[in-house]
């Protein structure tokens, strides 16, 4: 039986990863994670100071939420970020 071969369209993928619509989607999802993580940390009694970093590079757009350094307990920040990942699923 012949095997099916997949050949990715690299130019199409690259243009998708650099598109303004993709950047907007990533930004909405990252901001939703930051807001939810902040609310979770505040509910546990911490300030909930998370930082959003969105970078448009030559090849792609990247988004990140940086942890809350106002707490002396990194597990609080980590737990809040893990719980907040579900917030990105609800954002379109």
PDB file of N, CA and C in Angstrom:
ATOM      1  N   UNK A   1       0.841  -1.173   0.000  1.00  0.00           N
ATOM      2  CA  UNK A   1       0.000   0.000   0.000  1.00  0.00           C
ATOM      3  C   UNK A   1       0.891   1.243   0.000  1.00  0.00           C
ATOM      4  N   UNK A   2       0.584   2.193  -0.838  1.00  0.00           N
ATOM      5  CA  UNK A   2       1.372   3.416  -0.940  1.00  0.00           C
ATOM      6  C   UNK A   2       1.116   4.323   0.256  1.00  0.00           C
ATOM      7  N   UNK A   3       2.182   4.939   0.726  1.00  0.00           N
ATOM      8  CA  UNK A   3       2.058   5.858   1.855  1.00  0.00           C
ATOM      9  C   UNK A   3       1.755   7.258   1.335  1.00  0.00           C
ATOM     10  N   UNK A   4       0.888   7.947   2.038  1.00  0.00           N
ATOM     11  CA  UNK A   4       0.558   9.318   1.688  1.00  0.00           C
ATOM     12  C   UNK A   4       1.661  10.226   2.218  1.00  0.00           C
ATOM     13  N   UNK A   5       2.109  11.122   1.364  1.00  0.00           N
ATOM     14  CA  UNK A   5       3.188  12.027   1.753  1.00  0.00           C
ATOM     15  C   UNK A   5       2.617  13.425   1.951  1.00  0.00           C
ATOM     16  N   UNK A   6       2.992  14.032   3.036  1.00  0.00           N
ATOM     17  CA  UNK A   6       2.536  15.381   3.357  1.00  0.00           C
ATOM     18  C   UNK A   6       3.670  16.360   3.076  1.00  0.00           C
ATOM     19  N   UNK A   7       3.403  17.350   2.240  1.00  0.00           N
ATOM     20  CA  UNK A   7       4.384  18.383   1.939  1.00  0.00           C
ATOM     21  C   UNK A   7       3.790  19.721   2.400  1.00  0.00           C
ATOM     22  N   UNK A   8       4.343  20.301   3.464  1.00  0.00           N
ATOM     23  CA  UNK A   8       3.769  21.556   3.971  1.00  0.00           C
ATOM     24  C   UNK A   8       4.033  22.728   3.022  1.00  0.00           C
ATOM     25  N   UNK A   9       3.086  23.633   2.974  1.00  0.00           N
ATOM     26  CA  UNK A   9       3.215  24.858   2.195  1.00  0.00           C
ATOM     27  C   UNK A   9       3.901  25.884   3.100  1.00  0.00           C
ATOM     28  N   UNK A  10       5.209  25.927   3.058  1.00  0.00           N
ATOM     29  CA  UNK A  10       5.983  26.762   3.984  1.00  0.00           C
ATOM     30  C   UNK A  10       5.683  28.242   3.822  1.00  0.00           C
ATOM     31  N   UNK A  11       5.524  28.717   2.619  1.00  0.00           N
ATOM     32  CA  UNK A  11       5.199  30.131   2.421  1.00  0.00           C
ATOM     33  C   UNK A  11       3.830  30.472   2.985  1.00  0.00           C
ATOM     34  N   UNK A  12       2.877  29.588   2.787  1.00  0.00           N
ATOM     35  CA  UNK A  12       1.535  29.809   3.327  1.00  0.00           C
ATOM     36  C   UNK A  12       1.526  29.812   4.844  1.00  0.00           C
ATOM     37  N   UNK A  13       2.254  28.888   5.422  1.00  0.00           N
ATOM     38  CA  UNK A  13       2.346  28.820   6.882  1.00  0.00           C
ATOM     39  C   UNK A  13       3.025  30.071   7.427  1.00  0.00           C
ATOM     40  N   UNK A  14       4.112  30.485   6.785  1.00  0.00           N
ATOM     41  CA  UNK A  14       4.838  31.678   7.238  1.00  0.00           C
ATOM     42  C   UNK A  14       3.970  32.927   7.129  1.00  0.00           C
ATOM     43  N   UNK A  15       3.222  33.050   6.048  1.00  0.00           N
ATOM     44  CA  UNK A  15       2.373  34.236   5.903  1.00  0.00           C
ATOM     45  C   UNK A  15       1.241  34.223   6.929  1.00  0.00           C
ATOM     46  N   UNK A  16       0.736  33.044   7.257  1.00  0.00           N
ATOM     47  CA  UNK A  16      -0.288  32.935   8.290  1.00  0.00           C
ATOM     48  C   UNK A  16       0.258  33.352   9.653  1.00  0.00           C
ATOM     49  N   UNK A  17       1.475  32.909   9.970  1.00  0.00           N
ATOM     50  CA  UNK A  17       2.064  33.196  11.276  1.00  0.00           C
ATOM     51  C   UNK A  17       2.439  34.668  11.450  1.00  0.00           C
ATOM     52  N   UNK A  18       2.559  35.403  10.340  1.00  0.00           N
ATOM     53  CA  UNK A  18       2.900  36.828  10.419  1.00  0.00           C
ATOM     54  C   UNK A  18       1.696  37.737  10.173  1.00  0.00           C
ATOM     55  N   UNK A  19       0.544  37.174   9.896  1.00  0.00           N
ATOM     56  CA  UNK A  19      -0.636  37.973   9.542  1.00  0.00           C
ATOM     57  C   UNK A  19      -1.131  38.804  10.729  1.00  0.00           C
ATOM     58  N   UNK A  20      -1.665  39.992  10.450  1.00  0.00           N
ATOM     59  CA  UNK A  20      -2.219  40.830  11.535  1.00  0.00           C
ATOM     60  C   UNK A  20      -3.366  40.151  12.276  1.00  0.00           C
ATOM     61  N   UNK A  21      -4.147  39.345  11.575  1.00  0.00           N
ATOM     62  CA  UNK A  21      -5.252  38.630  12.223  1.00  0.00           C
ATOM     63  C   UNK A  21      -4.722  37.620  13.239  1.00  0.00           C
ATOM     64  N   UNK A  22      -3.617  36.956  12.899  1.00  0.00           N
ATOM     65  CA  UNK A  22      -3.008  35.998  13.823  1.00  0.00           C
ATOM     66  C   UNK A  22      -2.476  36.722  15.050  1.00  0.00           C
ATOM     67  N   UNK A  23      -1.845  37.883  14.832  1.00  0.00           N
ATOM     68  CA  UNK A  23      -1.332  38.672  15.956  1.00  0.00           C
ATOM     69  C   UNK A  23      -2.477  39.102  16.874  1.00  0.00           C
ATOM     70  N   UNK A  24      -3.583  39.530  16.281  1.00  0.00           N
ATOM     71  CA  UNK A  24      -4.733  39.962  17.080  1.00  0.00           C
ATOM     72  C   UNK A  24      -5.304  38.798  17.890  1.00  0.00           C
ATOM     73  N   UNK A  25      -5.379  37.624  17.281  1.00  0.00           N
ATOM     74  CA  UNK A  25      -5.891  36.447  17.984  1.00  0.00           C
ATOM     75  C   UNK A  25      -4.978  36.076  19.147  1.00  0.00           C
ATOM     76  N   UNK A  26      -3.675  36.057  18.904  1.00  0.00           N
ATOM     77  CA  UNK A  26      -2.723  35.732  19.962  1.00  0.00           C
ATOM     78  C   UNK A  26      -2.798  36.757  21.085  1.00  0.00           C
ATOM     79  N   UNK A  27      -2.919  38.024  20.723  1.00  0.00           N
ATOM     80  CA  UNK A  27      -3.004  39.069  21.746  1.00  0.00           C
ATOM     81  C   UNK A  27      -4.259  38.921  22.592  1.00  0.00           C
ATOM     82  N   UNK A  28      -5.401  38.616  21.967  1.00  0.00           N
ATOM     83  CA  UNK A  28      -6.647  38.429  22.736  1.00  0.00           C
ATOM     84  C   UNK A  28      -6.510  37.261  23.701  1.00  0.00           C
ATOM     85  N   UNK A  29      -5.930  36.164  23.241  1.00  0.00           N
ATOM     86  CA  UNK A  29      -5.798  34.980  24.084  1.00  0.00           C
ATOM     87  C   UNK A  29      -4.827  35.221  25.242  1.00  0.00           C
ATOM     88  N   UNK A  30      -3.714  35.880  24.961  1.00  0.00           N
ATOM     89  CA  UNK A  30      -2.726  36.152  26.004  1.00  0.00           C
ATOM     90  C   UNK A  30      -3.302  37.109  27.043  1.00  0.00           C
ATOM     91  N   UNK A  31      -4.022  38.118  26.601  1.00  0.00           N
ATOM     92  CA  UNK A  31      -4.630  39.070  27.549  1.00  0.00           C
ATOM     93  C   UNK A  31      -5.697  38.379  28.410  1.00  0.00           C
ATOM     94  N   UNK A  32      -6.428  37.420  27.838  1.00  0.00           N
ATOM     95  CA  UNK A  32      -7.416  36.673  28.615  1.00  0.00           C
ATOM     96  C   UNK A  32      -6.732  35.825  29.688  1.00  0.00           C
ATOM     97  N   UNK A  33      -5.603  35.214  29.336  1.00  0.00           N
ATOM     98  CA  UNK A  33      -4.849  34.426  30.309  1.00  0.00           C
ATOM     99  C   UNK A  33      -4.339  35.322  31.428  1.00  0.00           C
ATOM    100  N   UNK A  34      -3.797  36.489  31.065  1.00  0.00           N
ATOM    101  CA  UNK A  34      -3.270  37.421  32.064  1.00  0.00           C
ATOM    102  C   UNK A  34      -4.360  37.890  33.013  1.00  0.00           C
ATOM    103  N   UNK A  35      -5.523  38.225  32.482  1.00  0.00           N
ATOM    104  CA  UNK A  35      -6.618  38.712  33.327  1.00  0.00           C
ATOM    105  C   UNK A  35      -7.104  37.621  34.273  1.00  0.00           C
ATOM    106  N   UNK A  36      -7.241  36.415  33.767  1.00  0.00           N
ATOM    107  CA  UNK A  36      -7.719  35.309  34.597  1.00  0.00           C
ATOM    108  C   UNK A  36      -6.684  34.919  35.651  1.00  0.00           C
ATOM    109  N   UNK A  37      -5.409  34.897  35.281  1.00  0.00           N
ATOM    110  CA  UNK A  37      -4.354  34.571  36.247  1.00  0.00           C
ATOM    111  C   UNK A  37      -4.288  35.633  37.339  1.00  0.00           C
ATOM    112  N   UNK A  38      -4.444  36.878  36.950  1.00  0.00           N
ATOM    113  CA  UNK A  38      -4.427  37.965  37.928  1.00  0.00           C
ATOM    114  C   UNK A  38      -5.584  37.836  38.910  1.00  0.00           C
ATOM    115  N   UNK A  39      -6.767  37.533  38.397  1.00  0.00           N
ATOM    116  CA  UNK A  39      -7.938  37.358  39.254  1.00  0.00           C
ATOM    117  C   UNK A  39      -7.751  36.167  40.194  1.00  0.00           C
ATOM    118  N   UNK A  40      -7.164  35.083  39.690  1.00  0.00           N
ATOM    119  CA  UNK A  40      -6.927  33.903  40.518  1.00  0.00           C
ATOM    120  C   UNK A  40      -5.939  34.212  41.638  1.00  0.00           C
ATOM    121  N   UNK A  41      -4.859  34.914  41.314  1.00  0.00           N
ATOM    122  CA  UNK A  41      -3.861  35.259  42.332  1.00  0.00           C
ATOM    123  C   UNK A  41      -4.454  36.211  43.369  1.00  0.00           C
ATOM    124  N   UNK A  42      -5.259  37.162  42.930  1.00  0.00           N
ATOM    125  CA  UNK A  42      -5.886  38.098  43.859  1.00  0.00           C
ATOM    126  C   UNK A  42      -6.861  37.373  44.778  1.00  0.00           C
ATOM    127  N   UNK A  43      -7.547  36.362  44.260  1.00  0.00           N
ATOM    128  CA  UNK A  43      -8.465  35.584  45.086  1.00  0.00           C
ATOM    129  C   UNK A  43      -7.717  34.823  46.175  1.00  0.00           C
ATOM    130  N   UNK A  44      -6.435  34.521  45.920  1.00  0.00           N
ATOM    131  CA  UNK A  44      -5.622  33.825  46.912  1.00  0.00           C
ATOM    132  C   UNK A  44      -4.879  34.794  47.827  1.00  0.00           C
ATOM    133  N   UNK A  45      -5.128  36.101  47.653  1.00  0.00           N
ATOM    134  CA  UNK A  45      -4.547  37.080  48.563  1.00  0.00           C
ATOM    135  C   UNK A  45      -3.280  37.751  48.084  1.00  0.00           C
ATOM    136  N   UNK A  46      -2.925  37.610  46.812  1.00  0.00           N
ATOM    137  CA  UNK A  46      -1.732  38.255  46.276  1.00  0.00           C
ATOM    138  C   UNK A  46      -2.137  39.346  45.303  1.00  0.00           C
ATOM    139  N   UNK A  47      -1.195  40.186  44.928  1.00  0.00           N
ATOM    140  CA  UNK A  47      -1.508  41.315  44.050  1.00  0.00           C
ATOM    141  C   UNK A  47      -1.886  40.887  42.640  1.00  0.00           C
ATOM    142  N   UNK A  48      -1.348  39.819  42.142  1.00  0.00           N
ATOM    143  CA  UNK A  48      -1.698  39.348  40.801  1.00  0.00           C
ATOM    144  C   UNK A  48      -1.134  40.228  39.710  1.00  0.00           C
ATOM    145  N   UNK A  49       0.145  40.538  39.792  1.00  0.00           N
ATOM    146  CA  UNK A  49       0.793  41.405  38.814  1.00  0.00           C
ATOM    147  C   UNK A  49       1.497  40.574  37.750  1.00  0.00           C
ATOM    148  N   UNK A  50       0.762  40.163  36.740  1.00  0.00           N
ATOM    149  CA  UNK A  50       1.325  39.412  35.630  1.00  0.00           C
ATOM    150  C   UNK A  50       1.632  40.378  34.492  1.00  0.00           C
ATOM    151  N   UNK A  51       2.565  40.015  33.627  1.00  0.00           N
ATOM    152  CA  UNK A  51       2.966  40.879  32.531  1.00  0.00           C
ATOM    153  C   UNK A  51       2.767  40.158  31.205  1.00  0.00           C
ATOM    154  N   UNK A  52       2.285  40.887  30.211  1.00  0.00           N
ATOM    155  CA  UNK A  52       2.051  40.334  28.878  1.00  0.00           C
ATOM    156  C   UNK A  52       3.174  40.786  27.964  1.00  0.00           C
ATOM    157  N   UNK A  53       3.705  39.856  27.185  1.00  0.00           N
ATOM    158  CA  UNK A  53       4.747  40.161  26.213  1.00  0.00           C
ATOM    159  C   UNK A  53       4.312  39.618  24.861  1.00  0.00           C
ATOM    160  N   UNK A  54       4.131  40.508  23.899  1.00  0.00           N
ATOM    161  CA  UNK A  54       3.757  40.097  22.546  1.00  0.00           C
ATOM    162  C   UNK A  54       4.807  40.644  21.598  1.00  0.00           C
ATOM    163  N   UNK A  55       5.391  39.756  20.830  1.00  0.00           N
ATOM    164  CA  UNK A  55       6.492  40.128  19.946  1.00  0.00           C
ATOM    165  C   UNK A  55       6.187  39.688  18.520  1.00  0.00           C
ATOM    166  N   UNK A  56       6.321  40.610  17.598  1.00  0.00           N
ATOM    167  CA  UNK A  56       6.180  40.285  16.179  1.00  0.00           C
ATOM    168  C   UNK A  56       7.582  40.176  15.607  1.00  0.00           C
ATOM    169  N   UNK A  57       7.978  38.966  15.298  1.00  0.00           N
ATOM    170  CA  UNK A  57       9.309  38.738  14.761  1.00  0.00           C
ATOM    171  C   UNK A  57       9.289  38.631  13.250  1.00  0.00           C
ATOM    172  N   UNK A  58      10.419  38.298  12.711  1.00  0.00           N
ATOM    173  CA  UNK A  58      10.550  38.168  11.261  1.00  0.00           C
ATOM    174  C   UNK A  58       9.750  36.984  10.730  1.00  0.00           C
ATOM    175  N   UNK A  59       9.656  35.932  11.522  1.00  0.00           N
ATOM    176  CA  UNK A  59       9.025  34.705  11.060  1.00  0.00           C
ATOM    177  C   UNK A  59       7.666  34.407  11.685  1.00  0.00           C
ATOM    178  N   UNK A  60       7.369  35.028  12.840  1.00  0.00           N
ATOM    179  CA  UNK A  60       6.125  34.684  13.534  1.00  0.00           C
ATOM    180  C   UNK A  60       5.801  35.724  14.593  1.00  0.00           C
ATOM    181  N   UNK A  61       4.616  35.568  15.149  1.00  0.00           N
ATOM    182  CA  UNK A  61       4.182  36.370  16.291  1.00  0.00           C
ATOM    183  C   UNK A  61       4.215  35.457  17.509  1.00  0.00           C
ATOM    184  N   UNK A  62       4.701  35.988  18.625  1.00  0.00           N
ATOM    185  CA  UNK A  62       4.807  35.196  19.846  1.00  0.00           C
ATOM    186  C   UNK A  62       4.170  35.964  20.990  1.00  0.00           C
ATOM    187  N   UNK A  63       3.433  35.260  21.820  1.00  0.00           N
ATOM    188  CA  UNK A  63       2.816  35.878  22.982  1.00  0.00           C
ATOM    189  C   UNK A  63       3.142  35.088  24.234  1.00  0.00           C
ATOM    190  N   UNK A  64       3.341  35.797  25.330  1.00  0.00           N
ATOM    191  CA  UNK A  64       3.672  35.138  26.592  1.00  0.00           C
ATOM    192  C   UNK A  64       3.089  35.924  27.752  1.00  0.00           C
ATOM    193  N   UNK A  65       2.774  35.202  28.818  1.00  0.00           N
ATOM    194  CA  UNK A  65       2.370  35.826  30.079  1.00  0.00           C
ATOM    195  C   UNK A  65       3.468  35.511  31.074  1.00  0.00           C
ATOM    196  N   UNK A  66       4.038  36.552  31.646  1.00  0.00           N
ATOM    197  CA  UNK A  66       5.136  36.410  32.604  1.00  0.00           C
ATOM    198  C   UNK A  66       4.549  36.391  34.004  1.00  0.00           C
ATOM    199  N   UNK A  67       5.073  35.515  34.843  1.00  0.00           N
ATOM    200  CA  UNK A  67       4.544  35.287  36.178  1.00  0.00           C
ATOM    201  C   UNK A  67       4.534  36.476  37.105  1.00  0.00           C
ATOM    202  N   UNK A  68       3.838  36.306  38.194  1.00  0.00           N
ATOM    203  CA  UNK A  68       3.664  37.333  39.222  1.00  0.00           C
ATOM    204  C   UNK A  68       4.838  37.277  40.193  1.00  0.00           C
ATOM    205  N   UNK A  69       5.673  38.306  40.156  1.00  0.00           N
ATOM    206  CA  UNK A  69       6.828  38.345  41.046  1.00  0.00           C
ATOM    207  C   UNK A  69       6.534  39.072  42.357  1.00  0.00           C
ATOM    208  N   UNK A  70       5.280  39.480  42.557  1.00  0.00           N
ATOM    209  CA  UNK A  70       4.929  40.149  43.816  1.00  0.00           C
ATOM    210  C   UNK A  70       4.756  39.141  44.945  1.00  0.00           C
ATOM    211  N   UNK A  71       4.651  37.877  44.616  1.00  0.00           N
ATOM    212  CA  UNK A  71       4.486  36.850  45.633  1.00  0.00           C
ATOM    213  C   UNK A  71       5.827  36.179  45.930  1.00  0.00           C
ATOM    214  N   UNK A  72       6.113  35.901  47.185  1.00  0.00           N
ATOM    215  CA  UNK A  72       7.350  35.184  47.499  1.00  0.00           C
ATOM    216  C   UNK A  72       7.221  33.676  47.238  1.00  0.00           C
ATOM    217  N   UNK A  73       6.036  33.247  46.828  1.00  0.00           N
ATOM    218  CA  UNK A  73       5.781  31.827  46.584  1.00  0.00           C
ATOM    219  C   UNK A  73       5.540  31.599  45.086  1.00  0.00           C
ATOM    220  N   UNK A  74       6.538  31.116  44.355  1.00  0.00           N
ATOM    221  CA  UNK A  74       6.367  30.935  42.913  1.00  0.00           C
ATOM    222  C   UNK A  74       5.269  29.936  42.549  1.00  0.00           C
ATOM    223  N   UNK A  75       4.955  29.029  43.451  1.00  0.00           N
ATOM    224  CA  UNK A  75       3.890  28.054  43.131  1.00  0.00           C
ATOM    225  C   UNK A  75       2.529  28.737  43.021  1.00  0.00           C
ATOM    226  N   UNK A  76       2.338  29.862  43.709  1.00  0.00           N
ATOM    227  CA  UNK A  76       1.083  30.622  43.585  1.00  0.00           C
ATOM    228  C   UNK A  76       0.954  31.165  42.171  1.00  0.00           C
ATOM    229  N   UNK A  77       2.031  31.741  41.660  1.00  0.00           N
ATOM    230  CA  UNK A  77       2.040  32.278  40.304  1.00  0.00           C
ATOM    231  C   UNK A  77       1.846  31.159  39.284  1.00  0.00           C
ATOM    232  N   UNK A  78       2.550  30.074  39.469  1.00  0.00           N
ATOM    233  CA  UNK A  78       2.468  28.934  38.544  1.00  0.00           C
ATOM    234  C   UNK A  78       1.058  28.349  38.531  1.00  0.00           C
ATOM    235  N   UNK A  79       0.474  28.190  39.703  1.00  0.00           N
ATOM    236  CA  UNK A  79      -0.874  27.630  39.799  1.00  0.00           C
ATOM    237  C   UNK A  79      -1.890  28.556  39.129  1.00  0.00           C
ATOM    238  N   UNK A  80      -1.747  29.861  39.331  1.00  0.00           N
ATOM    239  CA  UNK A  80      -2.669  30.820  38.717  1.00  0.00           C
ATOM    240  C   UNK A  80      -2.552  30.788  37.189  1.00  0.00           C
ATOM    241  N   UNK A  81      -1.327  30.690  36.685  1.00  0.00           N
ATOM    242  CA  UNK A  81      -1.141  30.621  35.232  1.00  0.00           C
ATOM    243  C   UNK A  81      -1.717  29.339  34.651  1.00  0.00           C
ATOM    244  N   UNK A  82      -1.520  28.229  35.329  1.00  0.00           N
ATOM    245  CA  UNK A  82      -2.063  26.961  34.823  1.00  0.00           C
ATOM    246  C   UNK A  82      -3.585  26.975  34.802  1.00  0.00           C
ATOM    247  N   UNK A  83      -4.181  27.535  35.829  1.00  0.00           N
ATOM    248  CA  UNK A  83      -5.646  27.626  35.854  1.00  0.00           C
ATOM    249  C   UNK A  83      -6.157  28.572  34.781  1.00  0.00           C
ATOM    250  N   UNK A  84      -5.382  29.592  34.469  1.00  0.00           N
ATOM    251  CA  UNK A  84      -5.818  30.609  33.504  1.00  0.00           C
ATOM    252  C   UNK A  84      -5.729  30.137  32.053  1.00  0.00           C
ATOM    253  N   UNK A  85      -5.044  29.054  31.791  1.00  0.00           N
ATOM    254  CA  UNK A  85      -4.944  28.575  30.409  1.00  0.00           C
ATOM    255  C   UNK A  85      -6.312  28.270  29.806  1.00  0.00           C
ATOM    256  N   UNK A  86      -7.250  27.838  30.622  1.00  0.00           N
ATOM    257  CA  UNK A  86      -8.596  27.573  30.123  1.00  0.00           C
ATOM    258  C   UNK A  86      -9.279  28.842  29.635  1.00  0.00           C
ATOM    259  N   UNK A  87      -8.883  30.009  30.137  1.00  0.00           N
ATOM    260  CA  UNK A  87      -9.487  31.266  29.710  1.00  0.00           C
ATOM    261  C   UNK A  87      -9.200  31.533  28.240  1.00  0.00           C
ATOM    262  N   UNK A  88      -8.073  31.072  27.744  1.00  0.00           N
ATOM    263  CA  UNK A  88      -7.719  31.291  26.329  1.00  0.00           C
ATOM    264  C   UNK A  88      -8.616  30.473  25.407  1.00  0.00           C
ATOM    265  N   UNK A  89      -9.087  29.346  25.876  1.00  0.00           N
ATOM    266  CA  UNK A  89      -9.949  28.501  25.033  1.00  0.00           C
ATOM    267  C   UNK A  89     -11.269  29.173  24.714  1.00  0.00           C
ATOM    268  N   UNK A  90     -11.762  29.977  25.635  1.00  0.00           N
ATOM    269  CA  UNK A  90     -13.064  30.621  25.453  1.00  0.00           C
ATOM    270  C   UNK A  90     -12.984  31.842  24.541  1.00  0.00           C
ATOM    271  N   UNK A  91     -11.785  32.337  24.274  1.00  0.00           N
ATOM    272  CA  UNK A  91     -11.605  33.553  23.466  1.00  0.00           C
ATOM    273  C   UNK A  91     -11.450  33.184  22.002  1.00  0.00           C
ATOM    274  N   UNK A  92     -12.155  33.906  21.164  1.00  0.00           N
ATOM    275  CA  UNK A  92     -12.031  33.688  19.709  1.00  0.00           C
ATOM    276  C   UNK A  92     -11.368  34.835  19.050  1.00  0.00           C
TER     277      UNK A  92
END
